[in-house]
N, C-alpha and C. Protein backbone atom coordinates (compact mmCIF):
# COMPACT_ATOMS: atom_id res chain seq x y z
N MET A 1 -24.20 -6.49 2.73
CA MET A 1 -22.99 -5.77 3.07
C MET A 1 -22.97 -4.40 2.40
N LYS A 2 -23.41 -4.33 1.16
CA LYS A 2 -23.43 -3.05 0.46
C LYS A 2 -24.34 -2.04 1.15
N GLU A 3 -25.45 -2.53 1.73
CA GLU A 3 -26.39 -1.66 2.41
C GLU A 3 -25.78 -0.95 3.62
N ILE A 4 -24.75 -1.55 4.21
CA ILE A 4 -24.10 -0.92 5.37
C ILE A 4 -22.79 -0.25 4.99
N GLY A 5 -22.58 -0.05 3.69
CA GLY A 5 -21.41 0.70 3.23
C GLY A 5 -20.17 -0.14 2.97
N GLN A 6 -20.28 -1.45 2.99
CA GLN A 6 -19.14 -2.31 2.71
C GLN A 6 -19.04 -2.56 1.21
N SER A 7 -17.87 -2.99 0.76
CA SER A 7 -17.63 -3.29 -0.65
C SER A 7 -17.12 -4.71 -0.77
N PRO A 8 -18.03 -5.68 -0.80
CA PRO A 8 -17.59 -7.08 -0.85
C PRO A 8 -16.94 -7.43 -2.18
N VAL A 9 -16.02 -8.37 -2.12
CA VAL A 9 -15.38 -8.93 -3.32
C VAL A 9 -15.53 -10.44 -3.25
N VAL A 10 -15.40 -11.09 -4.40
CA VAL A 10 -15.54 -12.54 -4.47
C VAL A 10 -14.18 -13.14 -4.78
N MET A 11 -13.75 -14.02 -3.92
CA MET A 11 -12.52 -14.77 -4.16
C MET A 11 -12.92 -16.02 -4.94
N LYS A 12 -12.37 -16.21 -6.11
CA LYS A 12 -12.76 -17.32 -6.98
C LYS A 12 -11.93 -18.56 -6.75
N LYS A 13 -10.97 -18.45 -5.84
CA LYS A 13 -10.06 -19.55 -5.57
C LYS A 13 -9.56 -19.38 -4.14
N GLU A 14 -9.39 -20.47 -3.44
CA GLU A 14 -8.89 -20.37 -2.07
C GLU A 14 -7.38 -20.16 -2.07
N VAL A 15 -6.97 -19.13 -1.34
CA VAL A 15 -5.55 -18.82 -1.18
C VAL A 15 -5.31 -18.45 0.28
N ASN A 16 -4.08 -18.47 0.68
CA ASN A 16 -3.71 -18.10 2.03
C ASN A 16 -3.83 -16.59 2.20
N GLY A 17 -4.72 -16.13 3.05
CA GLY A 17 -4.86 -14.71 3.34
C GLY A 17 -5.99 -14.06 2.56
N PHE A 18 -6.44 -12.93 3.09
CA PHE A 18 -7.46 -12.13 2.42
C PHE A 18 -6.83 -11.34 1.28
N LEU A 19 -7.64 -10.93 0.32
CA LEU A 19 -7.15 -10.17 -0.83
C LEU A 19 -6.41 -8.91 -0.37
N LEU A 20 -7.01 -8.15 0.52
CA LEU A 20 -6.36 -6.93 1.01
C LEU A 20 -5.01 -7.25 1.64
N ASN A 21 -4.97 -8.29 2.48
CA ASN A 21 -3.71 -8.65 3.13
C ASN A 21 -2.64 -9.03 2.12
N ARG A 22 -3.01 -9.78 1.12
CA ARG A 22 -2.02 -10.21 0.13
C ARG A 22 -1.41 -9.02 -0.61
N LEU A 23 -2.24 -8.06 -0.97
CA LEU A 23 -1.73 -6.84 -1.63
C LEU A 23 -0.88 -6.03 -0.65
N GLN A 24 -1.36 -5.92 0.58
CA GLN A 24 -0.62 -5.17 1.59
C GLN A 24 0.73 -5.81 1.87
N TYR A 25 0.78 -7.14 1.93
CA TYR A 25 2.04 -7.83 2.21
C TYR A 25 3.07 -7.58 1.12
N ALA A 26 2.63 -7.48 -0.13
CA ALA A 26 3.56 -7.19 -1.22
C ALA A 26 4.19 -5.81 -1.02
N VAL A 27 3.38 -4.84 -0.62
CA VAL A 27 3.90 -3.49 -0.36
C VAL A 27 4.83 -3.51 0.84
N ILE A 28 4.42 -4.19 1.90
CA ILE A 28 5.26 -4.27 3.10
C ILE A 28 6.62 -4.90 2.77
N MET A 29 6.61 -5.97 2.00
CA MET A 29 7.87 -6.66 1.69
C MET A 29 8.80 -5.76 0.89
N GLU A 30 8.26 -5.02 -0.07
CA GLU A 30 9.12 -4.12 -0.85
C GLU A 30 9.62 -2.96 0.01
N ALA A 31 8.77 -2.43 0.86
CA ALA A 31 9.20 -1.36 1.77
C ALA A 31 10.34 -1.86 2.65
N TRP A 32 10.20 -3.07 3.15
CA TRP A 32 11.24 -3.69 3.99
C TRP A 32 12.54 -3.80 3.21
N ARG A 33 12.45 -4.31 1.98
CA ARG A 33 13.65 -4.48 1.13
C ARG A 33 14.36 -3.15 0.92
N LEU A 34 13.58 -2.11 0.62
CA LEU A 34 14.18 -0.81 0.33
C LEU A 34 14.95 -0.27 1.54
N VAL A 35 14.40 -0.46 2.73
CA VAL A 35 15.10 -0.01 3.94
C VAL A 35 16.28 -0.92 4.22
N GLU A 36 16.06 -2.23 4.15
CA GLU A 36 17.13 -3.19 4.44
C GLU A 36 18.33 -3.01 3.51
N ASP A 37 18.07 -2.71 2.25
CA ASP A 37 19.14 -2.54 1.27
C ASP A 37 19.75 -1.13 1.29
N GLY A 38 19.28 -0.27 2.19
CA GLY A 38 19.84 1.06 2.30
C GLY A 38 19.44 2.01 1.18
N VAL A 39 18.37 1.69 0.48
CA VAL A 39 17.91 2.55 -0.61
C VAL A 39 17.28 3.81 -0.06
N CYS A 40 16.56 3.69 1.05
CA CYS A 40 15.89 4.84 1.65
C CYS A 40 15.58 4.54 3.11
N SER A 41 15.07 5.54 3.80
CA SER A 41 14.69 5.37 5.20
C SER A 41 13.23 4.97 5.31
N ALA A 42 12.83 4.55 6.49
CA ALA A 42 11.42 4.26 6.74
C ALA A 42 10.58 5.50 6.50
N GLU A 43 11.09 6.66 6.91
CA GLU A 43 10.36 7.91 6.70
C GLU A 43 10.14 8.17 5.21
N ASP A 44 11.13 7.88 4.38
CA ASP A 44 10.98 8.06 2.93
C ASP A 44 9.87 7.16 2.38
N VAL A 45 9.81 5.92 2.87
CA VAL A 45 8.76 5.00 2.44
C VAL A 45 7.39 5.55 2.86
N GLU A 46 7.29 6.00 4.11
CA GLU A 46 6.02 6.53 4.62
C GLU A 46 5.56 7.74 3.79
N ILE A 47 6.46 8.64 3.48
CA ILE A 47 6.12 9.83 2.68
C ILE A 47 5.66 9.41 1.28
N THR A 48 6.39 8.49 0.67
CA THR A 48 6.05 8.04 -0.67
C THR A 48 4.66 7.41 -0.70
N MET A 49 4.34 6.63 0.32
CA MET A 49 3.01 5.99 0.36
C MET A 49 1.91 7.01 0.66
N THR A 50 2.10 7.84 1.69
CA THR A 50 1.02 8.73 2.11
C THR A 50 0.84 9.92 1.18
N GLU A 51 1.92 10.39 0.58
CA GLU A 51 1.83 11.57 -0.29
C GLU A 51 1.76 11.21 -1.77
N GLY A 52 1.96 9.94 -2.09
CA GLY A 52 1.98 9.53 -3.50
C GLY A 52 1.05 8.37 -3.78
N LEU A 53 1.59 7.16 -3.61
CA LEU A 53 0.86 5.96 -3.98
C LEU A 53 -0.46 5.81 -3.23
N GLY A 54 -0.45 6.10 -1.94
CA GLY A 54 -1.68 5.97 -1.15
C GLY A 54 -2.77 6.89 -1.63
N LEU A 55 -2.41 8.11 -1.99
CA LEU A 55 -3.41 9.04 -2.52
C LEU A 55 -3.99 8.51 -3.81
N ARG A 56 -3.14 8.05 -4.69
CA ARG A 56 -3.59 7.51 -5.97
C ARG A 56 -4.51 6.32 -5.75
N TYR A 57 -4.07 5.39 -4.91
CA TYR A 57 -4.84 4.16 -4.72
C TYR A 57 -6.08 4.36 -3.87
N SER A 58 -6.24 5.51 -3.24
CA SER A 58 -7.51 5.77 -2.56
C SER A 58 -8.58 6.14 -3.57
N LEU A 59 -8.18 6.47 -4.79
CA LEU A 59 -9.13 6.86 -5.83
C LEU A 59 -9.31 5.80 -6.91
N LEU A 60 -8.25 5.05 -7.22
CA LEU A 60 -8.34 4.06 -8.28
C LEU A 60 -7.33 2.96 -8.02
N GLY A 61 -7.59 1.81 -8.58
CA GLY A 61 -6.73 0.65 -8.35
C GLY A 61 -5.60 0.54 -9.37
N PRO A 62 -4.81 -0.53 -9.26
CA PRO A 62 -3.64 -0.66 -10.13
C PRO A 62 -3.99 -0.81 -11.60
N PHE A 63 -5.08 -1.50 -11.91
CA PHE A 63 -5.40 -1.71 -13.33
C PHE A 63 -5.95 -0.44 -13.97
N GLU A 64 -6.76 0.32 -13.22
CA GLU A 64 -7.21 1.60 -13.76
C GLU A 64 -6.04 2.56 -13.91
N THR A 65 -5.10 2.51 -12.98
CA THR A 65 -3.89 3.33 -13.08
C THR A 65 -3.15 3.00 -14.37
N MET A 66 -2.99 1.71 -14.65
CA MET A 66 -2.31 1.29 -15.87
C MET A 66 -3.06 1.78 -17.10
N GLN A 67 -4.37 1.62 -17.08
CA GLN A 67 -5.21 2.04 -18.21
C GLN A 67 -5.06 3.53 -18.49
N LEU A 68 -5.06 4.34 -17.42
CA LEU A 68 -5.02 5.79 -17.57
C LEU A 68 -3.62 6.35 -17.83
N ASN A 69 -2.59 5.63 -17.39
CA ASN A 69 -1.22 6.13 -17.54
C ASN A 69 -0.62 5.87 -18.91
N ALA A 70 -1.41 5.31 -19.80
CA ALA A 70 -0.98 5.06 -21.18
C ALA A 70 -2.25 5.07 -22.02
N ASN A 71 -2.14 4.62 -23.23
CA ASN A 71 -3.32 4.52 -24.10
C ASN A 71 -3.94 3.14 -23.91
N GLY A 72 -4.33 2.85 -22.68
CA GLY A 72 -4.91 1.55 -22.34
C GLY A 72 -3.89 0.63 -21.71
N ILE A 73 -4.40 -0.45 -21.14
CA ILE A 73 -3.54 -1.37 -20.40
C ILE A 73 -2.53 -2.07 -21.31
N ARG A 74 -2.92 -2.40 -22.53
CA ARG A 74 -1.98 -3.06 -23.46
C ARG A 74 -0.80 -2.13 -23.75
N ASP A 75 -1.08 -0.87 -24.04
CA ASP A 75 -0.01 0.10 -24.31
C ASP A 75 0.89 0.24 -23.09
N TYR A 76 0.28 0.28 -21.90
CA TYR A 76 1.05 0.38 -20.66
C TYR A 76 2.01 -0.80 -20.54
N CYS A 77 1.48 -2.01 -20.74
CA CYS A 77 2.32 -3.21 -20.61
C CYS A 77 3.43 -3.24 -21.65
N GLU A 78 3.11 -2.81 -22.86
CA GLU A 78 4.13 -2.79 -23.91
C GLU A 78 5.22 -1.76 -23.60
N ARG A 79 4.83 -0.62 -23.04
CA ARG A 79 5.81 0.43 -22.70
C ARG A 79 6.63 0.09 -21.46
N TYR A 80 5.96 -0.38 -20.41
CA TYR A 80 6.60 -0.49 -19.10
C TYR A 80 6.76 -1.91 -18.60
N GLY A 81 6.20 -2.87 -19.30
CA GLY A 81 6.21 -4.25 -18.82
C GLY A 81 7.59 -4.81 -18.57
N ALA A 82 8.50 -4.60 -19.50
CA ALA A 82 9.86 -5.16 -19.35
C ALA A 82 10.54 -4.59 -18.11
N ASN A 83 10.40 -3.29 -17.87
CA ASN A 83 11.01 -2.69 -16.70
C ASN A 83 10.37 -3.20 -15.41
N ILE A 84 9.06 -3.35 -15.41
CA ILE A 84 8.37 -3.89 -14.23
C ILE A 84 8.88 -5.30 -13.94
N GLU A 85 9.00 -6.11 -14.97
CA GLU A 85 9.51 -7.48 -14.79
C GLU A 85 10.94 -7.47 -14.27
N ASN A 86 11.79 -6.57 -14.79
CA ASN A 86 13.17 -6.47 -14.32
C ASN A 86 13.24 -6.07 -12.86
N VAL A 87 12.44 -5.09 -12.47
CA VAL A 87 12.42 -4.66 -11.06
C VAL A 87 11.96 -5.81 -10.18
N CYS A 88 10.92 -6.53 -10.60
CA CYS A 88 10.42 -7.65 -9.80
C CYS A 88 11.45 -8.76 -9.67
N LYS A 89 12.22 -9.02 -10.72
CA LYS A 89 13.29 -10.02 -10.64
C LYS A 89 14.35 -9.56 -9.64
N GLU A 90 14.66 -8.27 -9.67
CA GLU A 90 15.65 -7.70 -8.77
C GLU A 90 15.19 -7.81 -7.32
N GLN A 91 13.89 -7.71 -7.10
CA GLN A 91 13.36 -7.77 -5.74
C GLN A 91 13.60 -9.14 -5.11
N GLY A 92 13.60 -10.18 -5.91
CA GLY A 92 13.82 -11.52 -5.39
C GLY A 92 12.65 -11.96 -4.53
N GLY A 93 12.89 -12.96 -3.73
CA GLY A 93 11.84 -13.51 -2.88
C GLY A 93 11.68 -12.74 -1.59
N PRO A 94 10.90 -13.31 -0.69
CA PRO A 94 10.64 -12.63 0.59
C PRO A 94 11.90 -12.52 1.44
N ARG A 95 11.89 -11.54 2.30
CA ARG A 95 12.98 -11.34 3.26
C ARG A 95 12.46 -11.70 4.65
N SER A 96 13.37 -11.99 5.55
CA SER A 96 13.01 -12.24 6.94
C SER A 96 12.65 -10.91 7.60
N LEU A 97 11.51 -10.88 8.25
CA LEU A 97 11.08 -9.66 8.94
C LEU A 97 11.64 -9.66 10.36
N GLY A 98 12.94 -9.57 10.44
CA GLY A 98 13.62 -9.59 11.73
C GLY A 98 15.03 -9.04 11.59
N GLY A 99 15.85 -9.38 12.55
CA GLY A 99 17.26 -9.02 12.51
C GLY A 99 17.56 -7.54 12.58
N HIS A 100 18.66 -7.17 11.93
CA HIS A 100 19.16 -5.79 11.95
C HIS A 100 18.13 -4.80 11.40
N THR A 101 17.43 -5.20 10.35
CA THR A 101 16.45 -4.29 9.75
C THR A 101 15.31 -4.01 10.73
N LEU A 102 14.86 -5.03 11.43
CA LEU A 102 13.81 -4.83 12.44
C LEU A 102 14.30 -3.88 13.52
N ASP A 103 15.53 -4.06 13.98
CA ASP A 103 16.09 -3.16 14.99
C ASP A 103 16.12 -1.72 14.48
N LYS A 104 16.56 -1.55 13.24
CA LYS A 104 16.65 -0.22 12.63
C LYS A 104 15.27 0.43 12.51
N LEU A 105 14.29 -0.34 12.02
CA LEU A 105 12.94 0.20 11.86
C LEU A 105 12.29 0.52 13.20
N GLU A 106 12.51 -0.36 14.17
CA GLU A 106 11.93 -0.12 15.50
C GLU A 106 12.49 1.18 16.10
N LYS A 107 13.77 1.41 15.91
CA LYS A 107 14.39 2.63 16.43
C LYS A 107 13.85 3.86 15.70
N GLU A 108 13.77 3.79 14.37
CA GLU A 108 13.30 4.92 13.58
C GLU A 108 11.83 5.24 13.89
N LEU A 109 10.99 4.21 13.95
CA LEU A 109 9.58 4.43 14.23
C LEU A 109 9.35 4.87 15.67
N GLY A 110 10.23 4.45 16.56
CA GLY A 110 10.13 4.88 17.96
C GLY A 110 10.30 6.37 18.12
N LYS A 111 11.03 7.00 17.21
CA LYS A 111 11.23 8.45 17.26
C LYS A 111 10.00 9.20 16.76
N THR A 112 9.36 8.70 15.74
CA THR A 112 8.22 9.39 15.14
C THR A 112 6.88 8.93 15.68
N MET A 113 6.84 7.73 16.25
CA MET A 113 5.59 7.16 16.73
C MET A 113 5.89 6.26 17.93
N PRO A 114 6.21 6.85 19.08
CA PRO A 114 6.55 6.05 20.27
C PRO A 114 5.40 5.13 20.68
N LEU A 115 5.75 3.99 21.26
CA LEU A 115 4.77 3.00 21.65
C LEU A 115 3.70 3.56 22.59
N ASP A 116 4.08 4.50 23.45
CA ASP A 116 3.09 5.05 24.39
C ASP A 116 2.12 6.01 23.72
N GLN A 117 2.30 6.27 22.43
CA GLN A 117 1.39 7.15 21.69
C GLN A 117 0.58 6.41 20.63
N LEU A 118 0.66 5.07 20.62
CA LEU A 118 -0.02 4.31 19.58
C LEU A 118 -1.54 4.44 19.66
N ASP A 119 -2.10 4.43 20.87
CA ASP A 119 -3.56 4.56 20.98
C ASP A 119 -4.04 5.89 20.39
N LYS A 120 -3.32 6.95 20.67
CA LYS A 120 -3.67 8.27 20.13
C LYS A 120 -3.57 8.25 18.60
N ARG A 121 -2.52 7.65 18.09
CA ARG A 121 -2.31 7.56 16.64
C ARG A 121 -3.38 6.69 15.99
N ARG A 122 -3.78 5.60 16.64
CA ARG A 122 -4.84 4.74 16.12
C ARG A 122 -6.16 5.50 16.01
N GLU A 123 -6.46 6.29 17.04
CA GLU A 123 -7.69 7.08 17.02
C GLU A 123 -7.67 8.08 15.87
N LEU A 124 -6.54 8.73 15.65
CA LEU A 124 -6.40 9.66 14.54
C LEU A 124 -6.59 8.94 13.22
N ARG A 125 -5.96 7.79 13.07
CA ARG A 125 -6.11 6.98 11.85
C ARG A 125 -7.57 6.64 11.61
N ASP A 126 -8.25 6.18 12.64
CA ASP A 126 -9.64 5.76 12.49
C ASP A 126 -10.54 6.94 12.11
N ARG A 127 -10.30 8.10 12.70
CA ARG A 127 -11.09 9.30 12.34
C ARG A 127 -10.84 9.70 10.89
N ARG A 128 -9.60 9.65 10.47
CA ARG A 128 -9.27 10.02 9.09
C ARG A 128 -9.86 9.04 8.09
N LEU A 129 -9.80 7.75 8.40
CA LEU A 129 -10.37 6.75 7.50
C LEU A 129 -11.89 6.89 7.43
N ALA A 130 -12.53 7.18 8.55
CA ALA A 130 -13.99 7.39 8.56
C ALA A 130 -14.34 8.61 7.72
N ALA A 131 -13.58 9.69 7.86
CA ALA A 131 -13.83 10.90 7.07
C ALA A 131 -13.62 10.63 5.57
N LEU A 132 -12.60 9.87 5.25
CA LEU A 132 -12.34 9.53 3.85
C LEU A 132 -13.48 8.66 3.30
N ALA A 133 -13.97 7.74 4.09
CA ALA A 133 -15.08 6.88 3.66
C ALA A 133 -16.33 7.72 3.38
N ILE A 134 -16.60 8.69 4.23
CA ILE A 134 -17.75 9.59 4.01
C ILE A 134 -17.55 10.39 2.74
N HIS A 135 -16.35 10.93 2.55
CA HIS A 135 -16.04 11.70 1.34
C HIS A 135 -16.23 10.85 0.09
N ARG A 136 -15.72 9.63 0.12
CA ARG A 136 -15.84 8.75 -1.06
C ARG A 136 -17.29 8.40 -1.34
N ARG A 137 -18.07 8.16 -0.29
CA ARG A 137 -19.49 7.84 -0.47
C ARG A 137 -20.22 9.03 -1.09
N GLN A 138 -19.92 10.25 -0.61
CA GLN A 138 -20.55 11.45 -1.17
C GLN A 138 -20.15 11.64 -2.63
N GLU A 139 -18.88 11.37 -2.93
CA GLU A 139 -18.39 11.50 -4.29
C GLU A 139 -19.14 10.53 -5.23
N LYS A 140 -19.35 9.30 -4.78
CA LYS A 140 -20.06 8.31 -5.59
C LYS A 140 -21.51 8.74 -5.82
N GLU A 141 -22.13 9.32 -4.81
CA GLU A 141 -23.51 9.76 -4.94
C GLU A 141 -23.64 10.92 -5.94
N GLU A 142 -22.60 11.77 -6.01
CA GLU A 142 -22.62 12.90 -6.93
C GLU A 142 -22.45 12.46 -8.38
N ASN A 143 -21.77 11.34 -8.57
CA ASN A 143 -21.52 10.85 -9.94
C ASN A 143 -22.60 9.94 -10.29
């Protein structure tokens, strides 16, 4: 897999879903909560991910982020751990991906990304991801 540019990971325990999906679902659920609770709009979530968190996570993962954002991961946990735990408690469990929030999101996304334009948007996404993959591969070769 590495020879064809893939980055395999080893799951040491069987769980429901792939590793990527499980991480993605956590982000999706929180994004849903933020919109459902009226904290922000879908557009605000999209901007925050594409202009902030997504950029960061395209370069490094959550543990390296923790390591670099303090004097190591232990310092990070000691400084921010209690707040992270409080926010996670506030988030509660999963929400239903339906109802009024689904109607609201469908309407908002319909304005910025109409269903008849999804194929065009998918092609753009795929080109951008391919370009990013090439950039990352070149960056690794330089280091």
